[in-house]
């Protein structure tokens, strides 16, 4: 699904950036140029990032 129409960034692009080590909205914004045009994508992008961080934390707690 497209999250940022201005830059053509999808939810998978965000998830891939996180899989490659990005850990915050700021890092993903800088890496993908996300939310730098009209900014309408920022709330949805932050939601996706928070969901991914929760999944990562859950995986880590199960592995421990």
Protein backbone atom coordinates (compact mmCIF):
# COMPACT_ATOMS: atom_id res chain seq x y z
CA UNK A 1 0.00 0.00 0.00
CA UNK A 2 1.27 3.47 -0.81
CA UNK A 3 1.88 5.55 2.30
CA UNK A 4 3.53 8.57 0.66
CA UNK A 5 2.06 9.42 -2.72
CA UNK A 6 4.41 12.37 -3.23
CA UNK A 7 7.49 10.15 -3.08
CA UNK A 8 5.94 6.80 -4.05
CA UNK A 9 6.86 5.14 -0.73
CA UNK A 10 5.00 2.01 0.32
CA UNK A 11 4.47 0.37 3.69
CA UNK A 12 6.86 -2.35 2.52
CA UNK A 13 9.55 0.27 1.87
CA UNK A 14 9.19 1.38 5.49
CA UNK A 15 9.30 -2.21 6.77
CA UNK A 16 12.35 -2.95 4.63
CA UNK A 17 14.13 0.13 6.02
CA UNK A 18 13.41 -1.12 9.53
CA UNK A 19 14.64 -4.60 8.67
CA UNK A 20 17.86 -2.93 7.48
CA UNK A 21 18.32 -1.22 10.85
CA UNK A 22 16.27 2.00 10.89
CA UNK A 23 14.72 2.40 14.34
CA UNK A 24 12.76 5.65 14.28
CA UNK A 25 10.57 7.88 12.16
CA UNK A 26 13.43 10.34 11.88
CA UNK A 27 15.82 7.69 10.51
CA UNK A 28 13.25 6.46 8.01
CA UNK A 29 12.37 10.02 7.00
CA UNK A 30 16.02 10.76 6.30
CA UNK A 31 16.61 7.45 4.55
CA UNK A 32 13.53 7.44 2.29
CA UNK A 33 12.78 11.19 2.08
CA UNK A 34 9.43 10.35 3.68
CA UNK A 35 7.10 13.12 4.78
CA UNK A 36 9.19 15.90 3.33
CA UNK A 37 6.73 17.14 0.74
CA UNK A 38 3.14 17.64 1.92
CA UNK A 39 3.46 15.69 5.19
CA UNK A 40 0.09 13.91 4.96
CA UNK A 41 1.83 10.54 5.18
CA UNK A 42 3.50 11.18 8.54
CA UNK A 43 0.71 9.85 10.81
CA UNK A 44 0.30 6.64 8.79
CA UNK A 45 4.06 6.16 8.55
CA UNK A 46 4.44 6.60 12.31
CA UNK A 47 1.67 4.07 12.87
CA UNK A 48 3.42 1.51 10.65
CA UNK A 49 6.73 2.16 12.41
CA UNK A 50 5.14 1.70 15.84
CA UNK A 51 3.50 -1.56 14.74
CA UNK A 52 6.81 -2.87 13.41
CA UNK A 53 8.63 -1.87 16.60
CA UNK A 54 6.00 -3.73 18.64
CA UNK A 55 6.45 -6.84 16.48
CA UNK A 56 10.22 -6.67 16.87
CA UNK A 57 9.91 -6.27 20.65
CA UNK A 58 7.51 -9.22 20.83
CA UNK A 59 9.90 -11.40 18.83
CA UNK A 60 12.78 -10.43 21.11
CA UNK A 61 10.82 -11.18 24.27
CA UNK A 62 9.82 -14.62 22.96
CA UNK A 63 13.42 -15.39 22.00
CA UNK A 64 14.70 -14.42 25.47
